[in-house]
Amino acid sequence: MPIERPSEEELKALLVSEDLPPSEPRRNQNISGSIRHQCYVEKFYNAAESLLPSEIAEEIRGIDFCTISVASREQTNSQIRAKLYALGWSTEGRRDDRSRADFRKNDTELEVQLRQKTNVLHDIIKFQKAFNNERLSYAIMILFDTSVPIWGENGQDASIQSLDGLISEFVPNEINLKIPLWAIGLLPH
């Protein structure tokens, strides 16, 4: 299946100058268009597509997301966890420090967030704080592409759409989000 990439003009149109008067609401200046694959969608923030180390990107893209069951949260988390462990991702330090993401490899942290969009906001703050403290250089989030409850659970709305909403509406006015962030949205299958 061919990858649908946005044109250069579309990407440039997404960039908004930060030189706005204080009365104007700020919008995130660097959100890429979505790239749709068979079983997932990917989206890049703050030039993550060009800044993320290629070996990390190749590893994550090498995961066959079509084989990950979305029958339950436990199965989905367990299967993603097993695939990341097999690729050498670590959870070291996770239990001792709640400000760390689910997984870490080199200077990249990865969070699997399949619950609420309030958790997505917590993850954004966690990533930016670690980035500001030079504890990491890149962040990856695995969530769903849609906010429609996959498992029929109330409040399950962690998705690329909720991430976009937080980044474009809340984050520019409250957080100076600079970390290169790659979001992977699982599609129901």
Foldseek 3Di string as FASTA:
>chain_A
DDKDADDPVVQCVQADDPPDPPVDFDFQGGKGDWIDDDWKIKIKGQPLVPVPPPVVVVLVVPDPLVPQDPQDPVSNVVVVVVSVVVVPWDCPPVVVDVLAARTDDDQEGEHEQQFALVVVVSVQVSVQVCVVVVSHQAYEYEYAQAQPDPNPDPRRRPHVVSVNCCRGPPCRVPHPRNHIYMYMHGYHD
